[in-house]
Amino acid sequence: FILGVMLLLRVFAFLLAVSVCYAAVGMDIGAGICEDGVSEGTWQCLAGQGLSFAIIEVWEGGYDINYDIGNCVGGAWDAGFAHVDVYAFLCPNCYYNNPPNYAVQSIVNYLSGAGVNYGQLWFDVEQCYGCWNDYYSNVDFLSQAVQEAEAIGVGFGIYTSVYEWGLVTGNTNAFSNIQLWYANWDGEQSFYDFYGGFGGWTSPAMKQYDGNTYLCYLGVDLDWYPGY
């Protein structure tokens, strides 16, 4: 019996070590920071901080495409980042965002034409003044964006928080089958805070656990992913 318990404990310790080993810490930056220029040395510095993935804004509401996205994504890859995604802030009342299928097409076509190598696209859902409408039309707008991404065949997910999701969609569960990257700046690299869930999601993919942090003299948000 004792030998059996010891064996089980060793197996549990091994599995725990594997899960910790595969957990990853990364960062995300907005289009403005990318457009200001992130040097090769800065990317190398960030990689040296233990960050292994990056998510960079490709579409900034009414400001359209981030035309420096290729430089930023390429810089992250060249510095040794293991994974690089992009995210887009779309809003129905922002210029060039409506209909959303046009915006999604523009993003994917630009990335493809510019030869940008990225993992997937995340839709950033959060409030800004005058950007959104009522719950029903907001959900319809997001549905159109998601349907276009599906039709094109690009991988995608949703970035939001319990607070922002409630403000924009009324906490709809219409997207609960889509990968969730959620924000909660509690400084914890875990999903312990997600016990109640929201929007029908019960198992998030990734967490933004710290915001407005400065690393290597660059303003970044920090993210945690439980495993690749």
C-alpha atoms as a PDB file:
ATOM      1  CA  PHE A   1       0.000   0.000   0.000  1.00  0.00           C
ATOM      2  CA  ILE A   2       2.774   2.425   0.981  1.00  0.00           C
ATOM      3  CA  LEU A   3       4.699   1.634  -2.201  1.00  0.00           C
ATOM      4  CA  GLY A   4       1.517   2.254  -4.191  1.00  0.00           C
ATOM      5  CA  VAL A   5       0.982   5.644  -2.564  1.00  0.00           C
ATOM      6  CA  MET A   6       4.605   6.599  -3.165  1.00  0.00           C
ATOM      7  CA  LEU A   7       4.283   5.620  -6.826  1.00  0.00           C
ATOM      8  CA  LEU A   8       1.143   7.718  -7.214  1.00  0.00           C
ATOM      9  CA  LEU A   9       2.872  10.689  -5.578  1.00  0.00           C
ATOM     10  CA  ARG A  10       5.797  10.365  -7.970  1.00  0.00           C
ATOM     11  CA  VAL A  11       3.440  10.225 -10.954  1.00  0.00           C
ATOM     12  CA  PHE A  12       1.582  13.298  -9.668  1.00  0.00           C
ATOM     13  CA  ALA A  13       4.858  15.159  -9.138  1.00  0.00           C
ATOM     14  CA  PHE A  14       5.972  14.256 -12.656  1.00  0.00           C
ATOM     15  CA  LEU A  15       2.705  15.466 -14.186  1.00  0.00           C
ATOM     16  CA  LEU A  16       2.896  18.673 -12.165  1.00  0.00           C
ATOM     17  CA  ALA A  17       6.466  19.261 -13.333  1.00  0.00           C
ATOM     18  CA  VAL A  18       5.443  18.707 -16.939  1.00  0.00           C
ATOM     19  CA  SER A  19       2.520  21.132 -16.670  1.00  0.00           C
ATOM     20  CA  VAL A  20       4.744  23.789 -15.084  1.00  0.00           C
ATOM     21  CA  CYS A  21       7.402  23.160 -17.713  1.00  0.00           C
ATOM     22  CA  TYR A  22       4.990  23.827 -20.535  1.00  0.00           C
ATOM     23  CA  ALA A  23       3.400  26.921 -18.997  1.00  0.00           C
ATOM     24  CA  ALA A  24       4.479  30.090 -20.756  1.00  0.00           C
ATOM     25  CA  VAL A  25       4.643  33.807 -19.982  1.00  0.00           C
ATOM     26  CA  GLY A  26       4.304  36.352 -22.762  1.00  0.00           C
ATOM     27  CA  MET A  27       3.387  39.929 -23.546  1.00  0.00           C
ATOM     28  CA  ASP A  28       1.106  42.019 -25.683  1.00  0.00           C
ATOM     29  CA  ILE A  29       1.528  45.529 -27.065  1.00  0.00           C
ATOM     30  CA  GLY A  30      -0.738  48.001 -28.793  1.00  0.00           C
ATOM     31  CA  ALA A  31      -0.396  49.359 -32.305  1.00  0.00           C
ATOM     32  CA  GLY A  32       0.905  52.710 -31.080  1.00  0.00           C
ATOM     33  CA  ILE A  33       3.945  51.143 -29.427  1.00  0.00           C
ATOM     34  CA  CYS A  34       4.611  49.046 -32.506  1.00  0.00           C
ATOM     35  CA  GLU A  35       4.320  52.075 -34.786  1.00  0.00           C
ATOM     36  CA  ASP A  36       6.777  54.013 -32.597  1.00  0.00           C
ATOM     37  CA  GLY A  37       9.290  51.284 -33.346  1.00  0.00           C
ATOM     38  CA  VAL A  38      10.572  48.392 -31.246  1.00  0.00           C
ATOM     39  CA  SER A  39      14.271  47.859 -31.842  1.00  0.00           C
ATOM     40  CA  GLU A  40      16.043  44.555 -32.342  1.00  0.00           C
ATOM     41  CA  GLY A  41      17.813  45.097 -29.036  1.00  0.00           C
ATOM     42  CA  THR A  42      14.516  45.658 -27.221  1.00  0.00           C
ATOM     43  CA  TRP A  43      13.044  42.433 -28.600  1.00  0.00           C
ATOM     44  CA  GLN A  44      16.147  40.563 -27.516  1.00  0.00           C
ATOM     45  CA  CYS A  45      15.918  42.161 -24.082  1.00  0.00           C
ATOM     46  CA  LEU A  46      12.265  41.098 -23.773  1.00  0.00           C
ATOM     47  CA  ALA A  47      13.129  37.535 -24.748  1.00  0.00           C
ATOM     48  CA  GLY A  48      15.824  37.640 -22.086  1.00  0.00           C
ATOM     49  CA  GLN A  49      13.170  38.447 -19.473  1.00  0.00           C
ATOM     50  CA  GLY A  50      11.738  34.964 -19.918  1.00  0.00           C
ATOM     51  CA  LEU A  51       8.918  35.939 -22.281  1.00  0.00           C
ATOM     52  CA  SER A  52       8.222  33.298 -24.915  1.00  0.00           C
ATOM     53  CA  PHE A  53       5.234  34.647 -26.847  1.00  0.00           C
ATOM     54  CA  ALA A  54       3.953  37.993 -28.083  1.00  0.00           C
ATOM     55  CA  ILE A  55       0.577  39.300 -29.224  1.00  0.00           C
ATOM     56  CA  ILE A  56       0.628  42.521 -31.242  1.00  0.00           C
ATOM     57  CA  GLU A  57      -2.244  44.792 -32.270  1.00  0.00           C
ATOM     58  CA  VAL A  58      -2.848  44.721 -36.023  1.00  0.00           C
ATOM     59  CA  TRP A  59      -6.057  46.798 -36.186  1.00  0.00           C
ATOM     60  CA  GLU A  60      -6.734  49.774 -33.923  1.00  0.00           C
ATOM     61  CA  GLY A  61     -10.394  50.707 -34.191  1.00  0.00           C
ATOM     62  CA  GLY A  62     -10.857  53.801 -36.338  1.00  0.00           C
ATOM     63  CA  TYR A  63      -7.136  53.967 -37.114  1.00  0.00           C
ATOM     64  CA  ASP A  64      -7.327  50.964 -39.448  1.00  0.00           C
ATOM     65  CA  ILE A  65      -4.338  48.677 -40.127  1.00  0.00           C
ATOM     66  CA  ASN A  66      -1.121  48.897 -38.156  1.00  0.00           C
ATOM     67  CA  TYR A  67       1.230  49.083 -41.130  1.00  0.00           C
ATOM     68  CA  ASP A  68       4.251  48.375 -38.923  1.00  0.00           C
ATOM     69  CA  ILE A  69       2.874  45.009 -37.827  1.00  0.00           C
ATOM     70  CA  GLY A  70       5.311  43.102 -40.032  1.00  0.00           C
ATOM     71  CA  ASN A  71       8.333  44.731 -38.389  1.00  0.00           C
ATOM     72  CA  CYS A  72       7.071  43.962 -34.895  1.00  0.00           C
ATOM     73  CA  VAL A  73       6.056  40.388 -35.600  1.00  0.00           C
ATOM     74  CA  GLY A  74       9.331  39.768 -37.430  1.00  0.00           C
ATOM     75  CA  GLY A  75      11.294  41.314 -34.568  1.00  0.00           C
ATOM     76  CA  ALA A  76       9.660  38.980 -32.058  1.00  0.00           C
ATOM     77  CA  TRP A  77      10.398  35.890 -34.167  1.00  0.00           C
ATOM     78  CA  ASP A  78      13.993  36.977 -34.763  1.00  0.00           C
ATOM     79  CA  ALA A  79      14.536  37.447 -31.021  1.00  0.00           C
ATOM     80  CA  GLY A  80      13.541  33.833 -30.413  1.00  0.00           C
ATOM     81  CA  PHE A  81       9.912  34.128 -29.346  1.00  0.00           C
ATOM     82  CA  ALA A  82       8.224  30.736 -29.719  1.00  0.00           C
ATOM     83  CA  HIS A  83       4.825  32.063 -30.755  1.00  0.00           C
ATOM     84  CA  VAL A  84       3.486  35.354 -32.149  1.00  0.00           C
ATOM     85  CA  ASP A  85      -0.208  36.226 -32.534  1.00  0.00           C
ATOM     86  CA  VAL A  86      -2.025  39.419 -33.540  1.00  0.00           C
ATOM     87  CA  TYR A  87      -5.111  41.092 -32.121  1.00  0.00           C
ATOM     88  CA  ALA A  88      -7.679  43.503 -33.530  1.00  0.00           C
ATOM     89  CA  PHE A  89      -9.888  46.048 -31.824  1.00  0.00           C
ATOM     90  CA  LEU A  90     -13.009  46.322 -33.977  1.00  0.00           C
ATOM     91  CA  CYS A  91     -15.958  48.533 -33.096  1.00  0.00           C
ATOM     92  CA  PRO A  92     -19.176  49.221 -35.029  1.00  0.00           C
ATOM     93  CA  ASN A  93     -19.002  53.006 -34.743  1.00  0.00           C
ATOM     94  CA  CYS A  94     -15.344  53.306 -35.733  1.00  0.00           C
ATOM     95  CA  TYR A  95     -14.331  54.303 -39.275  1.00  0.00           C
ATOM     96  CA  TYR A  96     -13.728  51.431 -41.704  1.00  0.00           C
ATOM     97  CA  ASN A  97     -14.946  48.851 -39.158  1.00  0.00           C
ATOM     98  CA  ASN A  98     -18.493  48.352 -40.379  1.00  0.00           C
ATOM     99  CA  PRO A  99     -19.402  45.975 -41.907  1.00  0.00           C
ATOM    100  CA  PRO A 100     -17.016  43.861 -39.827  1.00  0.00           C
ATOM    101  CA  ASN A 101     -16.501  41.277 -42.558  1.00  0.00           C
ATOM    102  CA  TYR A 102     -14.720  43.996 -44.571  1.00  0.00           C
ATOM    103  CA  ALA A 103     -12.416  44.764 -41.631  1.00  0.00           C
ATOM    104  CA  VAL A 104     -11.582  41.092 -41.070  1.00  0.00           C
ATOM    105  CA  GLN A 105     -10.906  40.616 -44.783  1.00  0.00           C
ATOM    106  CA  SER A 106      -8.662  43.695 -44.786  1.00  0.00           C
ATOM    107  CA  ILE A 107      -6.667  42.380 -41.828  1.00  0.00           C
ATOM    108  CA  VAL A 108      -6.161  38.887 -43.195  1.00  0.00           C
ATOM    109  CA  ASN A 109      -5.419  40.092 -46.728  1.00  0.00           C
ATOM    110  CA  TYR A 110      -2.878  42.621 -45.512  1.00  0.00           C
ATOM    111  CA  LEU A 111      -1.100  40.103 -43.285  1.00  0.00           C
ATOM    112  CA  SER A 112      -1.013  37.589 -46.107  1.00  0.00           C
ATOM    113  CA  GLY A 113       0.160  40.100 -48.698  1.00  0.00           C
ATOM    114  CA  ALA A 114       2.877  41.426 -46.400  1.00  0.00           C
ATOM    115  CA  GLY A 115       4.089  37.919 -45.603  1.00  0.00           C
ATOM    116  CA  VAL A 116       3.460  38.299 -41.873  1.00  0.00           C
ATOM    117  CA  ASN A 117       3.915  34.975 -40.074  1.00  0.00           C
ATOM    118  CA  TYR A 118       1.455  34.838 -37.164  1.00  0.00           C
ATOM    119  CA  GLY A 119      -0.353  32.182 -35.186  1.00  0.00           C
ATOM    120  CA  GLN A 120      -3.899  33.447 -34.869  1.00  0.00           C
ATOM    121  CA  LEU A 121      -6.102  36.532 -34.646  1.00  0.00           C
ATOM    122  CA  TRP A 122      -7.723  37.668 -31.388  1.00  0.00           C
ATOM    123  CA  PHE A 123     -10.760  39.964 -31.357  1.00  0.00           C
ATOM    124  CA  ASP A 124     -10.399  42.601 -28.630  1.00  0.00           C
ATOM    125  CA  VAL A 125     -13.791  43.293 -27.028  1.00  0.00           C
ATOM    126  CA  GLU A 126     -13.835  46.253 -24.652  1.00  0.00           C
ATOM    127  CA  GLN A 127     -15.549  49.584 -24.280  1.00  0.00           C
ATOM    128  CA  CYS A 128     -14.464  52.946 -25.591  1.00  0.00           C
ATOM    129  CA  TYR A 129     -16.486  56.140 -25.695  1.00  0.00           C
ATOM    130  CA  GLY A 130     -19.042  56.066 -28.506  1.00  0.00           C
ATOM    131  CA  CYS A 131     -17.634  52.882 -30.033  1.00  0.00           C
ATOM    132  CA  TRP A 132     -20.493  50.467 -29.372  1.00  0.00           C
ATOM    133  CA  ASN A 133     -24.292  50.358 -29.515  1.00  0.00           C
ATOM    134  CA  ASP A 134     -26.907  48.251 -27.718  1.00  0.00           C
ATOM    135  CA  TYR A 135     -26.260  44.658 -26.638  1.00  0.00           C
ATOM    136  CA  TYR A 136     -28.173  43.059 -29.501  1.00  0.00           C
ATOM    137  CA  SER A 137     -26.433  44.978 -32.283  1.00  0.00           C
ATOM    138  CA  ASN A 138     -23.046  44.573 -30.605  1.00  0.00           C
ATOM    139  CA  VAL A 139     -23.473  40.801 -30.488  1.00  0.00           C
ATOM    140  CA  ASP A 140     -24.546  40.837 -34.129  1.00  0.00           C
ATOM    141  CA  PHE A 141     -21.449  42.844 -35.072  1.00  0.00           C
ATOM    142  CA  LEU A 142     -19.167  40.373 -33.287  1.00  0.00           C
ATOM    143  CA  SER A 143     -21.013  37.441 -34.853  1.00  0.00           C
ATOM    144  CA  GLN A 144     -20.340  38.814 -38.322  1.00  0.00           C
ATOM    145  CA  ALA A 145     -16.643  39.243 -37.526  1.00  0.00           C
ATOM    146  CA  VAL A 146     -16.408  35.688 -36.182  1.00  0.00           C
ATOM    147  CA  GLN A 147     -18.286  34.233 -39.152  1.00  0.00           C
ATOM    148  CA  GLU A 148     -15.933  35.974 -41.573  1.00  0.00           C
ATOM    149  CA  ALA A 149     -12.874  34.646 -39.752  1.00  0.00           C
ATOM    150  CA  GLU A 150     -14.374  31.160 -39.909  1.00  0.00           C
ATOM    151  CA  ALA A 151     -15.147  31.522 -43.617  1.00  0.00           C
ATOM    152  CA  ILE A 152     -11.600  32.665 -44.380  1.00  0.00           C
ATOM    153  CA  GLY A 153     -10.155  29.861 -42.305  1.00  0.00           C
ATOM    154  CA  VAL A 154      -7.986  31.922 -39.978  1.00  0.00           C
ATOM    155  CA  GLY A 155      -7.572  30.819 -36.366  1.00  0.00           C
ATOM    156  CA  PHE A 156      -9.166  33.229 -33.902  1.00  0.00           C
ATOM    157  CA  GLY A 157     -10.223  33.856 -30.322  1.00  0.00           C
ATOM    158  CA  ILE A 158     -11.707  36.593 -28.129  1.00  0.00           C
ATOM    159  CA  TYR A 159      -9.929  38.889 -25.673  1.00  0.00           C
ATOM    160  CA  THR A 160     -12.064  40.545 -23.006  1.00  0.00           C
ATOM    161  CA  SER A 161     -12.772  40.696 -19.258  1.00  0.00           C
ATOM    162  CA  VAL A 162     -15.836  39.907 -17.193  1.00  0.00           C
ATOM    163  CA  TYR A 163     -16.483  43.648 -16.803  1.00  0.00           C
ATOM    164  CA  GLU A 164     -15.970  44.613 -20.453  1.00  0.00           C
ATOM    165  CA  TRP A 165     -17.921  41.623 -21.760  1.00  0.00           C
ATOM    166  CA  GLY A 166     -20.889  42.616 -19.641  1.00  0.00           C
ATOM    167  CA  LEU A 167     -20.777  46.238 -20.816  1.00  0.00           C
ATOM    168  CA  VAL A 168     -20.504  45.366 -24.515  1.00  0.00           C
ATOM    169  CA  THR A 169     -22.634  42.216 -24.873  1.00  0.00           C
ATOM    170  CA  GLY A 170     -24.750  41.970 -21.734  1.00  0.00           C
ATOM    171  CA  ASN A 171     -22.782  38.814 -20.833  1.00  0.00           C
ATOM    172  CA  THR A 172     -24.029  36.810 -23.805  1.00  0.00           C
ATOM    173  CA  ASN A 173     -22.951  33.162 -24.001  1.00  0.00           C
ATOM    174  CA  ALA A 174     -23.193  33.110 -27.821  1.00  0.00           C
ATOM    175  CA  PHE A 175     -19.406  32.821 -28.197  1.00  0.00           C
ATOM    176  CA  SER A 176     -18.606  30.306 -25.462  1.00  0.00           C
ATOM    177  CA  ASN A 177     -17.273  27.798 -28.002  1.00  0.00           C
ATOM    178  CA  ILE A 178     -14.501  30.224 -29.009  1.00  0.00           C
ATOM    179  CA  GLN A 179     -11.103  30.429 -27.323  1.00  0.00           C
ATOM    180  CA  LEU A 180     -11.015  33.015 -24.540  1.00  0.00           C
ATOM    181  CA  TRP A 181      -8.081  35.204 -23.527  1.00  0.00           C
ATOM    182  CA  TYR A 182      -9.311  37.122 -20.499  1.00  0.00           C
ATOM    183  CA  ALA A 183      -7.928  40.018 -18.487  1.00  0.00           C
ATOM    184  CA  ASN A 184      -7.662  40.226 -14.723  1.00  0.00           C
ATOM    185  CA  TRP A 185      -4.701  42.211 -13.439  1.00  0.00           C
ATOM    186  CA  ASP A 186      -4.263  40.319 -10.182  1.00  0.00           C
ATOM    187  CA  GLY A 187      -0.632  39.426 -10.828  1.00  0.00           C
ATOM    188  CA  GLU A 188      -1.354  35.702 -10.626  1.00  0.00           C
ATOM    189  CA  GLN A 189      -0.207  33.245 -13.283  1.00  0.00           C
ATOM    190  CA  SER A 190      -3.188  30.948 -12.866  1.00  0.00           C
ATOM    191  CA  PHE A 191      -6.888  30.586 -13.626  1.00  0.00           C
ATOM    192  CA  TYR A 192      -7.857  30.353  -9.946  1.00  0.00           C
ATOM    193  CA  ASP A 193      -9.903  33.553 -10.311  1.00  0.00           C
ATOM    194  CA  PHE A 194     -12.043  32.087 -13.105  1.00  0.00           C
ATOM    195  CA  TYR A 195     -14.061  29.752 -10.873  1.00  0.00           C
ATOM    196  CA  GLY A 196     -17.338  31.531 -11.647  1.00  0.00           C
ATOM    197  CA  GLY A 197     -16.710  32.039 -15.340  1.00  0.00           C
ATOM    198  CA  PHE A 198     -18.639  34.453 -17.533  1.00  0.00           C
ATOM    199  CA  GLY A 199     -20.190  34.572 -20.983  1.00  0.00           C
ATOM    200  CA  GLY A 200     -20.721  30.818 -20.899  1.00  0.00           C
ATOM    201  CA  TRP A 201     -16.965  30.162 -20.819  1.00  0.00           C
ATOM    202  CA  THR A 202     -15.798  27.634 -18.263  1.00  0.00           C
ATOM    203  CA  SER A 203     -12.231  26.990 -19.447  1.00  0.00           C
ATOM    204  CA  PRO A 204     -10.176  29.961 -20.710  1.00  0.00           C
ATOM    205  CA  ALA A 205      -7.170  29.583 -22.986  1.00  0.00           C
ATOM    206  CA  MET A 206      -5.010  32.419 -21.683  1.00  0.00           C
ATOM    207  CA  LYS A 207      -4.922  35.189 -19.089  1.00  0.00           C
ATOM    208  CA  GLN A 208      -3.613  38.748 -19.143  1.00  0.00           C
ATOM    209  CA  TYR A 209      -2.499  38.959 -15.525  1.00  0.00           C
ATOM    210  CA  ASP A 210      -0.701  42.304 -15.427  1.00  0.00           C
ATOM    211  CA  GLY A 211      -1.104  45.526 -17.368  1.00  0.00           C
ATOM    212  CA  ASN A 212       0.842  48.699 -18.039  1.00  0.00           C
ATOM    213  CA  THR A 213       4.115  47.095 -17.013  1.00  0.00           C
ATOM    214  CA  TYR A 214       7.503  48.373 -18.162  1.00  0.00           C
ATOM    215  CA  LEU A 215      10.075  45.871 -19.360  1.00  0.00           C
ATOM    216  CA  CYS A 216      13.191  46.860 -21.285  1.00  0.00           C
ATOM    217  CA  TYR A 217      11.870  50.459 -21.254  1.00  0.00           C
ATOM    218  CA  LEU A 218       8.736  49.348 -23.143  1.00  0.00           C
ATOM    219  CA  GLY A 219       5.123  49.518 -21.943  1.00  0.00           C
ATOM    220  CA  VAL A 220       3.679  45.997 -22.136  1.00  0.00           C
ATOM    221  CA  ASP A 221       0.912  43.837 -20.710  1.00  0.00           C
ATOM    222  CA  LEU A 222       1.880  40.419 -19.346  1.00  0.00           C
ATOM    223  CA  ASP A 223       0.091  37.195 -20.219  1.00  0.00           C
ATOM    224  CA  TRP A 224       0.092  33.607 -19.004  1.00  0.00           C
ATOM    225  CA  TYR A 225      -0.654  30.502 -21.034  1.00  0.00           C
ATOM    226  CA  PRO A 226      -0.883  27.132 -19.241  1.00  0.00           C
ATOM    227  CA  GLY A 227       0.794  25.111 -21.971  1.00  0.00           C
ATOM    228  CA  TYR A 228       1.766  24.777 -25.605  1.00  0.00           C
END
